[in-house]
């Protein structure tokens, strides 16, 4: 994990919703990045952990309002959301 002066460098990596380049005929996919080790972030920087929590909540709430639902978690620490096309 990247570290900067004893703090994890996660501030620049807050989750941003982005359509995955794997669109099928009937489903749109969305990946929402999660921090790799939230426990370590909470211990070293509670403020950054709080920012992550709020950002993920905002992205998920907006996505749910638009009809997406969580269908899994990727190996790269992303929620995988799906929305049927049409």
Foldseek 3Di string as FASTA:
>chain_A
DDDDPQARPCQVVAWDWDWDPDDDPWKTKIKTAADPDLPVNCVRPVVVSVVNVVSVVVVVVVCVVVAWDFDAADPRRIGMIMHTDD
